[in-house]
Amino acid sequence: MPHRTRPMTALLLFTGLNAVLVTTITPVYDFVCFLPYWERRRERRRLEREALANRSQSS
């Protein structure tokens, strides 16, 4: 065998990496999901749908 395997080190590294990823996902998720761009886009689409519905009702 060319090198020694270190399962405990690998397990600790894997667990540590997962812990870091879990703690950083919430701010990233909040940043991406609550960007003003998405809020403006959602509002614009809602207004377009309402305008389309009003137009079709008046015809």
PDB file of N, CA and C in Angstrom:
ATOM      1  N   MET A   1       0.857  -1.172   0.000  1.00  0.00           N
ATOM      2  CA  MET A   1       0.000   0.000   0.000  1.00  0.00           C
ATOM      3  C   MET A   1       0.907   1.239   0.000  1.00  0.00           C
ATOM      4  N   PRO A   2       0.710   2.147  -0.957  1.00  0.00           N
ATOM      5  CA  PRO A   2       1.628   3.275  -1.078  1.00  0.00           C
ATOM      6  C   PRO A   2       1.485   4.327   0.021  1.00  0.00           C
ATOM      7  N   HIS A   3       0.335   4.409   0.661  1.00  0.00           N
ATOM      8  CA  HIS A   3       0.171   5.399   1.715  1.00  0.00           C
ATOM      9  C   HIS A   3      -0.793   4.866   2.775  1.00  0.00           C
ATOM     10  N   ARG A   4      -0.719   5.460   3.939  1.00  0.00           N
ATOM     11  CA  ARG A   4      -1.627   5.043   5.009  1.00  0.00           C
ATOM     12  C   ARG A   4      -2.963   5.729   4.853  1.00  0.00           C
ATOM     13  N   THR A   5      -4.014   4.996   5.106  1.00  0.00           N
ATOM     14  CA  THR A   5      -5.336   5.616   5.080  1.00  0.00           C
ATOM     15  C   THR A   5      -5.633   6.177   6.465  1.00  0.00           C
ATOM     16  N   ARG A   6      -6.291   7.299   6.497  1.00  0.00           N
ATOM     17  CA  ARG A   6      -6.644   7.947   7.756  1.00  0.00           C
ATOM     18  C   ARG A   6      -8.140   8.208   7.774  1.00  0.00           C
ATOM     19  N   PRO A   7      -8.920   7.189   8.127  1.00  0.00           N
ATOM     20  CA  PRO A   7     -10.375   7.372   8.076  1.00  0.00           C
ATOM     21  C   PRO A   7     -10.897   8.421   9.052  1.00  0.00           C
ATOM     22  N   MET A   8     -10.284   8.543  10.212  1.00  0.00           N
ATOM     23  CA  MET A   8     -10.767   9.519  11.194  1.00  0.00           C
ATOM     24  C   MET A   8     -10.526  10.938  10.687  1.00  0.00           C
ATOM     25  N   THR A   9      -9.369  11.173  10.091  1.00  0.00           N
ATOM     26  CA  THR A   9      -9.077  12.500   9.541  1.00  0.00           C
ATOM     27  C   THR A   9     -10.051  12.824   8.413  1.00  0.00           C
ATOM     28  N   ALA A  10     -10.309  11.846   7.563  1.00  0.00           N
ATOM     29  CA  ALA A  10     -11.239  12.061   6.459  1.00  0.00           C
ATOM     30  C   ALA A  10     -12.644  12.342   6.995  1.00  0.00           C
ATOM     31  N   LEU A  11     -13.046  11.611   8.002  1.00  0.00           N
ATOM     32  CA  LEU A  11     -14.369  11.816   8.587  1.00  0.00           C
ATOM     33  C   LEU A  11     -14.482  13.200   9.216  1.00  0.00           C
ATOM     34  N   LEU A  12     -13.461  13.627   9.945  1.00  0.00           N
ATOM     35  CA  LEU A  12     -13.483  14.954  10.563  1.00  0.00           C
ATOM     36  C   LEU A  12     -13.475  16.057   9.508  1.00  0.00           C
ATOM     37  N   LEU A  13     -12.693  15.876   8.471  1.00  0.00           N
ATOM     38  CA  LEU A  13     -12.649  16.863   7.394  1.00  0.00           C
ATOM     39  C   LEU A  13     -14.004  16.957   6.700  1.00  0.00           C
ATOM     40  N   PHE A  14     -14.595  15.811   6.410  1.00  0.00           N
ATOM     41  CA  PHE A  14     -15.904  15.774   5.761  1.00  0.00           C
ATOM     42  C   PHE A  14     -16.965  16.449   6.632  1.00  0.00           C
ATOM     43  N   THR A  15     -16.961  16.128   7.925  1.00  0.00           N
ATOM     44  CA  THR A  15     -17.931  16.715   8.847  1.00  0.00           C
ATOM     45  C   THR A  15     -17.716  18.218   8.980  1.00  0.00           C
ATOM     46  N   GLY A  16     -16.475  18.632   9.071  1.00  0.00           N
ATOM     47  CA  GLY A  16     -16.175  20.058   9.180  1.00  0.00           C
ATOM     48  C   GLY A  16     -16.598  20.825   7.942  1.00  0.00           C
ATOM     49  N   LEU A  17     -16.337  20.265   6.788  1.00  0.00           N
ATOM     50  CA  LEU A  17     -16.730  20.909   5.543  1.00  0.00           C
ATOM     51  C   LEU A  17     -18.246  21.032   5.454  1.00  0.00           C
ATOM     52  N   ASN A  18     -18.957  19.982   5.820  1.00  0.00           N
ATOM     53  CA  ASN A  18     -20.420  20.043   5.822  1.00  0.00           C
ATOM     54  C   ASN A  18     -20.932  21.080   6.813  1.00  0.00           C
ATOM     55  N   ALA A  19     -20.308  21.178   7.966  1.00  0.00           N
ATOM     56  CA  ALA A  19     -20.730  22.168   8.961  1.00  0.00           C
ATOM     57  C   ALA A  19     -20.553  23.582   8.414  1.00  0.00           C
ATOM     58  N   VAL A  20     -19.436  23.828   7.740  1.00  0.00           N
ATOM     59  CA  VAL A  20     -19.200  25.150   7.148  1.00  0.00           C
ATOM     60  C   VAL A  20     -20.244  25.439   6.081  1.00  0.00           C
ATOM     61  N   LEU A  21     -20.537  24.474   5.237  1.00  0.00           N
ATOM     62  CA  LEU A  21     -21.524  24.685   4.178  1.00  0.00           C
ATOM     63  C   LEU A  21     -22.919  24.933   4.747  1.00  0.00           C
ATOM     64  N   VAL A  22     -23.282  24.223   5.791  1.00  0.00           N
ATOM     65  CA  VAL A  22     -24.609  24.399   6.395  1.00  0.00           C
ATOM     66  C   VAL A  22     -24.734  25.782   7.021  1.00  0.00           C
ATOM     67  N   THR A  23     -23.680  26.276   7.655  1.00  0.00           N
ATOM     68  CA  THR A  23     -23.766  27.587   8.298  1.00  0.00           C
ATOM     69  C   THR A  23     -23.758  28.724   7.289  1.00  0.00           C
ATOM     70  N   THR A  24     -23.222  28.500   6.096  1.00  0.00           N
ATOM     71  CA  THR A  24     -23.182  29.578   5.114  1.00  0.00           C
ATOM     72  C   THR A  24     -24.359  29.545   4.152  1.00  0.00           C
ATOM     73  N   ILE A  25     -25.173  28.515   4.175  1.00  0.00           N
ATOM     74  CA  ILE A  25     -26.251  28.435   3.190  1.00  0.00           C
ATOM     75  C   ILE A  25     -27.373  29.423   3.493  1.00  0.00           C
ATOM     76  N   THR A  26     -27.661  29.713   4.742  1.00  0.00           N
ATOM     77  CA  THR A  26     -28.768  30.609   5.063  1.00  0.00           C
ATOM     78  C   THR A  26     -28.529  32.027   4.555  1.00  0.00           C
ATOM     79  N   PRO A  27     -27.376  32.650   4.813  1.00  0.00           N
ATOM     80  CA  PRO A  27     -27.181  33.999   4.260  1.00  0.00           C
ATOM     81  C   PRO A  27     -27.174  34.018   2.732  1.00  0.00           C
ATOM     82  N   VAL A  28     -26.622  32.986   2.124  1.00  0.00           N
ATOM     83  CA  VAL A  28     -26.600  32.928   0.658  1.00  0.00           C
ATOM     84  C   VAL A  28     -28.019  32.791   0.134  1.00  0.00           C
ATOM     85  N   TYR A  29     -28.810  31.921   0.741  1.00  0.00           N
ATOM     86  CA  TYR A  29     -30.204  31.733   0.327  1.00  0.00           C
ATOM     87  C   TYR A  29     -30.984  33.029   0.474  1.00  0.00           C
ATOM     88  N   ASP A  30     -30.821  33.706   1.607  1.00  0.00           N
ATOM     89  CA  ASP A  30     -31.526  34.970   1.825  1.00  0.00           C
ATOM     90  C   ASP A  30     -31.105  36.013   0.804  1.00  0.00           C
ATOM     91  N   PHE A  31     -29.820  36.078   0.519  1.00  0.00           N
ATOM     92  CA  PHE A  31     -29.331  37.064  -0.445  1.00  0.00           C
ATOM     93  C   PHE A  31     -29.923  36.813  -1.827  1.00  0.00           C
ATOM     94  N   VAL A  32     -29.927  35.567  -2.250  1.00  0.00           N
ATOM     95  CA  VAL A  32     -30.406  35.244  -3.596  1.00  0.00           C
ATOM     96  C   VAL A  32     -31.923  35.386  -3.686  1.00  0.00           C
ATOM     97  N   CYS A  33     -32.632  34.898  -2.695  1.00  0.00           N
ATOM     98  CA  CYS A  33     -34.092  34.864  -2.786  1.00  0.00           C
ATOM     99  C   CYS A  33     -34.748  36.201  -2.508  1.00  0.00           C
ATOM    100  N   PHE A  34     -34.116  37.063  -1.747  1.00  0.00           N
ATOM    101  CA  PHE A  34     -34.748  38.318  -1.367  1.00  0.00           C
ATOM    102  C   PHE A  34     -34.079  39.523  -2.001  1.00  0.00           C
ATOM    103  N   LEU A  35     -33.438  39.317  -3.145  1.00  0.00           N
ATOM    104  CA  LEU A  35     -32.873  40.443  -3.871  1.00  0.00           C
ATOM    105  C   LEU A  35     -34.000  41.360  -4.338  1.00  0.00           C
ATOM    106  N   PRO A  36     -33.779  42.658  -4.337  1.00  0.00           N
ATOM    107  CA  PRO A  36     -34.816  43.571  -4.834  1.00  0.00           C
ATOM    108  C   PRO A  36     -35.224  43.265  -6.272  1.00  0.00           C
ATOM    109  N   TYR A  37     -34.308  42.732  -7.063  1.00  0.00           N
ATOM    110  CA  TYR A  37     -34.642  42.377  -8.446  1.00  0.00           C
ATOM    111  C   TYR A  37     -35.821  41.427  -8.489  1.00  0.00           C
ATOM    112  N   TRP A  38     -35.816  40.400  -7.651  1.00  0.00           N
ATOM    113  CA  TRP A  38     -36.893  39.416  -7.666  1.00  0.00           C
ATOM    114  C   TRP A  38     -38.193  40.022  -7.174  1.00  0.00           C
ATOM    115  N   GLU A  39     -38.095  40.922  -6.190  1.00  0.00           N
ATOM    116  CA  GLU A  39     -39.300  41.581  -5.694  1.00  0.00           C
ATOM    117  C   GLU A  39     -39.922  42.443  -6.788  1.00  0.00           C
ATOM    118  N   ARG A  40     -39.090  43.212  -7.484  1.00  0.00           N
ATOM    119  CA  ARG A  40     -39.603  44.047  -8.573  1.00  0.00           C
ATOM    120  C   ARG A  40     -40.178  43.186  -9.687  1.00  0.00           C
ATOM    121  N   ARG A  41     -39.521  42.085 -10.010  1.00  0.00           N
ATOM    122  CA  ARG A  41     -39.996  41.202 -11.072  1.00  0.00           C
ATOM    123  C   ARG A  41     -41.341  40.578 -10.702  1.00  0.00           C
ATOM    124  N   ARG A  42     -41.455  40.139  -9.446  1.00  0.00           N
ATOM    125  CA  ARG A  42     -42.714  39.549  -8.996  1.00  0.00           C
ATOM    126  C   ARG A  42     -43.844  40.571  -9.080  1.00  0.00           C
ATOM    127  N   GLU A  43     -43.572  41.805  -8.649  1.00  0.00           N
ATOM    128  CA  GLU A  43     -44.587  42.852  -8.695  1.00  0.00           C
ATOM    129  C   GLU A  43     -44.952  43.189 -10.139  1.00  0.00           C
ATOM    130  N   ARG A  44     -43.966  43.269 -11.023  1.00  0.00           N
ATOM    131  CA  ARG A  44     -44.226  43.565 -12.431  1.00  0.00           C
ATOM    132  C   ARG A  44     -45.090  42.480 -13.062  1.00  0.00           C
ATOM    133  N   ARG A  45     -44.787  41.223 -12.774  1.00  0.00           N
ATOM    134  CA  ARG A  45     -45.574  40.117 -13.341  1.00  0.00           C
ATOM    135  C   ARG A  45     -46.998  40.124 -12.793  1.00  0.00           C
ATOM    136  N   ARG A  46     -47.161  40.458 -11.514  1.00  0.00           N
ATOM    137  CA  ARG A  46     -48.497  40.529 -10.936  1.00  0.00           C
ATOM    138  C   ARG A  46     -49.316  41.624 -11.620  1.00  0.00           C
ATOM    139  N   LEU A  47     -48.702  42.785 -11.848  1.00  0.00           N
ATOM    140  CA  LEU A  47     -49.402  43.877 -12.513  1.00  0.00           C
ATOM    141  C   LEU A  47     -49.759  43.505 -13.946  1.00  0.00           C
ATOM    142  N   GLU A  48     -48.850  42.810 -14.635  1.00  0.00           N
ATOM    143  CA  GLU A  48     -49.142  42.379 -16.005  1.00  0.00           C
ATOM    144  C   GLU A  48     -50.308  41.396 -16.033  1.00  0.00           C
ATOM    145  N   ARG A  49     -50.330  40.464 -15.081  1.00  0.00           N
ATOM    146  CA  ARG A  49     -51.444  39.501 -15.020  1.00  0.00           C
ATOM    147  C   ARG A  49     -52.764  40.210 -14.740  1.00  0.00           C
ATOM    148  N   GLU A  50     -52.756  41.171 -13.814  1.00  0.00           N
ATOM    149  CA  GLU A  50     -53.975  41.914 -13.496  1.00  0.00           C
ATOM    150  C   GLU A  50     -54.435  42.714 -14.700  1.00  0.00           C
ATOM    151  N   ALA A  51     -53.504  43.352 -15.403  1.00  0.00           N
ATOM    152  CA  ALA A  51     -53.868  44.133 -16.584  1.00  0.00           C
ATOM    153  C   ALA A  51     -54.464  43.222 -17.653  1.00  0.00           C
ATOM    154  N   LEU A  52     -53.878  42.061 -17.831  1.00  0.00           N
ATOM    155  CA  LEU A  52     -54.387  41.108 -18.821  1.00  0.00           C
ATOM    156  C   LEU A  52     -55.781  40.615 -18.431  1.00  0.00           C
ATOM    157  N   ALA A  53     -55.991  40.336 -17.175  1.00  0.00           N
ATOM    158  CA  ALA A  53     -57.296  39.873 -16.692  1.00  0.00           C
ATOM    159  C   ALA A  53     -58.339  40.977 -16.864  1.00  0.00           C
ATOM    160  N   ASN A  54     -57.976  42.220 -16.549  1.00  0.00           N
ATOM    161  CA  ASN A  54     -58.916  43.331 -16.708  1.00  0.00           C
ATOM    162  C   ASN A  54     -59.245  43.558 -18.176  1.00  0.00           C
ATOM    163  N   ARG A  55     -58.259  43.422 -19.027  1.00  0.00           N
ATOM    164  CA  ARG A  55     -58.465  43.612 -20.464  1.00  0.00           C
ATOM    165  C   ARG A  55     -59.404  42.546 -21.019  1.00  0.00           C
ATOM    166  N   SER A  56     -59.213  41.303 -20.583  1.00  0.00           N
ATOM    167  CA  SER A  56     -60.054  40.224 -21.090  1.00  0.00           C
ATOM    168  C   SER A  56     -61.487  40.311 -20.541  1.00  0.00           C
ATOM    169  N   GLN A  57     -61.639  40.843 -19.331  1.00  0.00           N
ATOM    170  CA  GLN A  57     -62.987  41.006 -18.751  1.00  0.00           C
ATOM    171  C   GLN A  57     -63.756  42.134 -19.434  1.00  0.00           C
ATOM    172  N   SER A  58     -63.058  43.186 -19.829  1.00  0.00           N
ATOM    173  CA  SER A  58     -63.745  44.335 -20.433  1.00  0.00           C
ATOM    174  C   SER A  58     -64.116  44.075 -21.885  1.00  0.00           C
ATOM    175  N   SER A  59     -63.491  43.090 -22.523  1.00  0.00           N
ATOM    176  CA  SER A  59     -63.793  42.788 -23.934  1.00  0.00           C
ATOM    177  C   SER A  59     -65.057  41.985 -24.094  1.00  0.00           C
TER     178      SER A  59
END
